[in-house]
Protein backbone atom coordinates (compact mmCIF):
# COMPACT_ATOMS: atom_id res chain seq x y z
CA MET A 1 32.20 4.35 25.84
CA THR A 2 30.58 7.56 27.03
CA GLY A 3 28.90 7.58 30.50
CA ASN A 4 25.34 7.78 28.69
CA TYR A 5 25.50 4.46 27.10
CA ILE A 6 22.65 2.50 27.60
CA PRO A 7 22.84 -1.37 26.42
CA ILE A 8 20.23 -2.61 24.04
CA SER A 9 19.11 -5.06 26.84
CA SER A 10 18.09 -2.15 28.77
CA TRP A 11 15.98 -0.37 26.26
CA ALA A 12 12.54 0.42 27.18
CA GLU A 13 9.47 -1.70 25.82
CA ASP A 14 8.78 1.03 23.25
CA ASP A 15 12.32 0.84 21.74
CA LYS A 16 12.15 -3.04 21.18
CA PRO A 17 10.93 -2.72 17.66
CA ARG A 18 13.83 -0.36 16.78
CA GLU A 19 15.95 -3.16 18.34
CA LYS A 20 14.56 -5.71 16.13
CA MET A 21 14.97 -3.64 12.95
CA LEU A 22 18.52 -2.83 13.64
CA SER A 23 19.33 -6.43 14.35
CA LYS A 24 16.99 -8.31 11.65
CA GLY A 25 16.30 -5.78 9.16
CA VAL A 26 13.08 -3.93 8.52
CA THR A 27 11.32 -6.60 6.54
CA ALA A 28 11.29 -8.72 9.69
CA LEU A 29 8.86 -6.39 11.69
CA SER A 30 5.15 -6.78 11.88
CA THR A 31 2.76 -4.35 10.73
CA ASN A 32 2.08 -3.56 14.49
CA GLU A 33 5.91 -3.19 15.26
CA LEU A 34 6.17 -0.62 12.38
CA LEU A 35 3.20 1.49 13.49
CA ALA A 36 4.71 1.29 17.08
CA ILE A 37 8.18 2.83 15.65
CA LEU A 38 5.95 5.53 14.15
CA ILE A 39 4.09 6.21 17.51
CA ARG A 40 7.37 6.06 19.60
CA SER A 41 5.92 6.03 22.86
CA GLY A 42 2.76 4.95 24.73
CA SER A 43 0.71 6.69 27.36
CA GLY A 44 -0.92 5.89 30.91
CA GLY A 45 0.77 2.66 31.17
CA GLU A 46 0.04 1.76 27.67
CA SER A 47 3.26 0.97 25.61
CA ALA A 48 3.62 1.87 21.89
CA LEU A 49 3.12 -1.53 20.98
CA ASP A 50 0.08 -2.08 22.82
CA LEU A 51 -1.35 1.39 21.31
CA SER A 52 -0.50 0.38 17.84
CA ARG A 53 -2.15 -2.96 18.17
CA ARG A 54 -5.37 -1.35 19.39
CA ILE A 55 -5.22 1.26 16.52
CA LEU A 56 -4.92 -1.57 14.12
CA THR A 57 -7.55 -3.72 15.66
CA ASP A 58 -10.17 -0.78 15.24
CA ALA A 59 -8.97 -0.53 11.50
CA SER A 60 -9.69 -4.21 11.15
CA ASN A 61 -5.91 -4.74 10.57
CA ASP A 62 -6.52 -3.03 7.25
CA LEU A 63 -3.99 -0.54 5.97
CA ASN A 64 -6.43 1.07 3.28
CA THR A 65 -8.71 1.55 6.53
CA LEU A 66 -6.02 3.12 8.61
CA ALA A 67 -5.16 5.35 5.69
CA ARG A 68 -8.32 7.24 5.37
CA LEU A 69 -8.05 8.52 9.01
CA SER A 70 -7.31 12.00 9.63
CA VAL A 71 -5.21 13.84 12.01
CA SER A 72 -8.14 14.77 14.22
CA ASP A 73 -9.35 11.16 13.97
CA PHE A 74 -6.12 9.79 15.65
CA MET A 75 -6.33 12.78 18.18
CA ASN A 76 -9.82 12.06 19.11
CA ARG A 77 -9.82 8.40 19.36
CA TYR A 78 -6.72 7.64 20.94
CA LYS A 79 -5.31 9.01 24.11
CA GLY A 80 -1.56 9.47 23.88
CA VAL A 81 -1.63 10.30 20.11
CA GLY A 82 -1.18 13.89 19.60
CA MET A 83 -0.60 16.12 16.55
CA ALA A 84 3.08 14.85 16.05
CA LYS A 85 2.19 11.27 16.15
CA ALA A 86 -0.86 11.39 14.03
CA ALA A 87 1.19 13.58 11.46
CA SER A 88 3.84 11.02 11.50
CA ILE A 89 1.50 8.24 10.73
CA ILE A 90 -0.30 10.10 8.20
CA ALA A 91 2.94 10.99 6.29
CA ALA A 92 4.02 7.22 6.22
CA MET A 93 0.83 6.36 4.76
CA GLU A 94 1.02 9.06 2.12
CA LEU A 95 4.67 7.93 1.27
CA GLY A 96 3.37 4.54 0.74
CA ARG A 97 0.60 5.68 -1.41
CA ARG A 98 3.26 7.81 -3.60
CA ARG A 99 5.67 4.71 -3.72
CA ALA A 100 2.49 2.44 -5.16
CA LEU A 101 1.86 5.19 -7.79
CA SER A 102 5.36 5.44 -8.66
CA THR A 103 5.64 1.70 -9.29
CA ALA A 104 2.39 1.56 -11.44
CA ARG A 105 3.63 4.43 -13.65
CA GLU A 106 6.96 2.25 -14.33
CA GLU A 107 4.40 -0.41 -15.86
CA PRO A 108 1.93 1.73 -18.11
CA ALA A 109 0.12 -1.18 -19.92
CA LEU A 110 -3.35 -1.35 -18.58
CA THR A 111 -4.83 -4.60 -20.27
CA THR A 112 -7.37 -5.66 -17.55
CA SER A 113 -9.70 -4.34 -15.14
CA ARG A 114 -7.42 -5.25 -12.32
CA ASP A 115 -4.47 -3.48 -14.10
CA LEU A 116 -6.75 -0.43 -14.02
CA TYR A 117 -7.70 -0.68 -10.37
CA ASP A 118 -4.21 -1.15 -9.23
CA TYR A 119 -3.18 1.88 -10.86
CA LEU A 120 -5.97 3.83 -9.75
CA GLN A 121 -6.65 2.65 -6.34
CA PRO A 122 -3.55 4.61 -4.81
CA LEU A 123 -4.89 7.72 -6.46
CA ILE A 124 -8.61 7.60 -5.46
CA GLY A 125 -9.24 4.62 -3.60
CA ASP A 126 -8.75 5.98 0.08
CA LEU A 127 -10.35 9.54 -0.57
CA ASP A 128 -13.37 10.85 1.75
CA HIS A 129 -14.76 12.56 -1.32
CA GLU A 130 -15.70 11.59 -5.00
CA GLU A 131 -13.29 12.15 -7.86
CA PHE A 132 -13.75 11.61 -11.46
CA TRP A 133 -10.58 10.52 -13.54
CA VAL A 134 -10.11 9.62 -17.30
CA VAL A 135 -7.39 7.45 -18.65
CA THR A 136 -6.51 7.89 -22.20
CA LEU A 137 -4.84 4.74 -23.96
CA SER A 138 -2.96 4.26 -27.31
CA SER A 139 -3.71 1.26 -29.67
CA ALA A 140 -1.45 -0.93 -27.55
CA CYS A 141 -3.14 -0.09 -24.26
CA ARG A 142 -0.32 1.88 -23.13
CA MET A 143 -1.33 4.80 -20.86
CA LYS A 144 -1.23 7.99 -22.61
CA SER A 145 -2.60 10.22 -19.57
CA CYS A 146 -4.30 9.96 -16.62
CA ASP A 147 -6.13 12.79 -15.43
CA ARG A 148 -8.60 14.07 -12.58
CA LEU A 149 -11.29 15.87 -14.35
CA PHE A 150 -13.77 16.45 -11.75
CA SER A 151 -14.00 16.58 -7.85
CA GLY A 152 -17.05 16.47 -5.89
CA GLY A 153 -18.77 15.76 -2.71
CA ILE A 154 -19.17 12.67 -0.42
CA GLU A 155 -21.83 10.92 -2.61
CA SER A 156 -21.70 12.46 -6.23
CA THR A 157 -19.65 14.56 -8.55
CA ILE A 158 -21.10 16.66 -11.32
CA ILE A 159 -19.62 15.55 -14.78
CA ASP A 160 -19.19 17.57 -17.95
CA ILE A 161 -19.17 15.10 -21.01
CA ARG A 162 -17.53 17.89 -23.02
CA MET A 163 -14.63 18.00 -20.79
CA ILE A 164 -14.04 14.58 -20.89
CA PHE A 165 -13.70 14.43 -24.59
CA ARG A 166 -11.81 17.73 -24.85
CA LYS A 167 -9.08 16.00 -22.66
CA VAL A 168 -9.34 12.79 -24.73
CA LEU A 169 -8.84 14.58 -28.15
CA GLU A 170 -5.86 16.60 -26.71
CA SER A 171 -4.21 13.18 -25.99
CA LYS A 172 -4.97 11.66 -29.38
CA ALA A 173 -6.04 8.66 -27.63
CA CYS A 174 -7.61 5.64 -29.34
CA SER A 175 -9.64 4.32 -26.40
CA ILE A 176 -10.19 5.60 -22.90
CA VAL A 177 -11.21 4.43 -19.55
CA ILE A 178 -13.25 6.55 -16.89
CA ALA A 179 -13.14 5.84 -13.19
CA HIS A 180 -14.52 7.41 -10.04
CA ASN A 181 -14.44 6.34 -6.46
CA HIS A 182 -17.12 5.54 -3.91
CA PRO A 183 -15.98 6.62 -0.52
CA SER A 184 -18.90 4.70 1.00
CA GLY A 185 -16.85 1.51 0.09
CA ASN A 186 -19.92 0.04 -1.97
CA ASP A 187 -18.61 -0.81 -5.52
CA ARG A 188 -22.00 -1.16 -7.06
CA PRO A 189 -22.74 1.43 -9.75
CA SER A 190 -25.64 3.96 -9.19
CA SER A 191 -28.38 4.55 -11.65
CA HIS A 192 -26.42 7.96 -12.39
CA ASP A 193 -23.07 6.01 -13.06
CA ILE A 194 -25.01 3.51 -15.43
CA THR A 195 -26.56 6.76 -17.43
CA LEU A 196 -23.38 8.61 -17.55
CA THR A 197 -21.51 5.40 -18.67
CA LYS A 198 -24.06 5.11 -21.59
CA LYS A 199 -23.74 8.87 -22.54
CA VAL A 200 -19.76 8.56 -22.57
CA GLN A 201 -20.16 5.53 -24.68
CA GLU A 202 -22.39 6.93 -27.26
CA ALA A 203 -20.16 10.28 -27.63
CA GLY A 204 -17.17 8.25 -27.98
CA ARG A 205 -18.76 6.22 -30.95
CA VAL A 206 -19.53 9.60 -32.72
CA LEU A 207 -15.81 10.53 -32.40
CA ASP A 208 -14.47 7.12 -33.18
CA ILE A 209 -12.88 6.52 -29.74
CA THR A 210 -13.64 3.40 -27.71
CA LEU A 211 -14.94 3.49 -24.12
CA LEU A 212 -13.01 0.23 -22.83
CA ASP A 213 -14.30 0.46 -19.38
CA HIS A 214 -15.68 2.37 -16.48
CA ILE A 215 -14.18 1.41 -12.86
CA VAL A 216 -15.68 2.34 -9.61
CA VAL A 217 -12.76 2.24 -7.35
CA CYS A 218 -13.38 1.36 -3.59
CA PRO A 219 -10.45 0.93 -1.10
CA ASN A 220 -10.71 -2.92 -1.24
CA ARG A 221 -12.78 -3.74 -4.11
CA TYR A 222 -13.81 -2.22 -7.60
CA TYR A 223 -16.52 -2.84 -10.21
CA SER A 224 -15.72 -3.03 -13.92
CA PHE A 225 -18.50 -2.22 -16.13
CA ALA A 226 -16.72 -4.24 -18.68
CA ASP A 227 -16.33 -7.30 -16.91
CA ASN A 228 -19.96 -7.29 -15.83
CA GLY A 229 -21.15 -7.08 -19.45
CA MET A 230 -22.54 -3.34 -19.19
CA LEU A 231 -20.49 -1.80 -22.19
């Protein structure tokens, strides 16, 4: 042993989640403990565990809410969270999002509105602006493509019907699903959403391409036009 060795029993409180991870495995850690590992240290008499607990409480213990915070949000709201700690948290959330997306791509059969939501939520569910996506499907409801066509502001996005079907025709799809997110978290479709859906449905009929659904994606919920009898 070297003279610098410090036994685990003497580790600081902020290091205890690391001790637990080493002895019991990462799955044994609570969300609070995982966040504390990212934060690494507390500030002003508050341990990393206390700070992470406060951050999670402010986010209602909802990781989707936490994922919507920016670097400046963390730095402005929490003393002791500087750019490095905030960046570590956001990077970890993004890795989780990409893993979820990778898993979704391994099973591209999308047969229910829940399947569609589970696929799309990691893509657009936590964004602070609206995006409009088109999913093209084969006759067996297997995904042929999934593309962002339009990106807009906080409350609305300008949609060009011609651009939608240009992409659909390129993919030689039998059917499509359109989707967009509501950054507000309100999953109810607006009058504009309803009008757009009708226009896409009518254009699809002319081209013999079926609009299967329009999904409004929010962090924790969604609205399906098909499930609600609006198609």
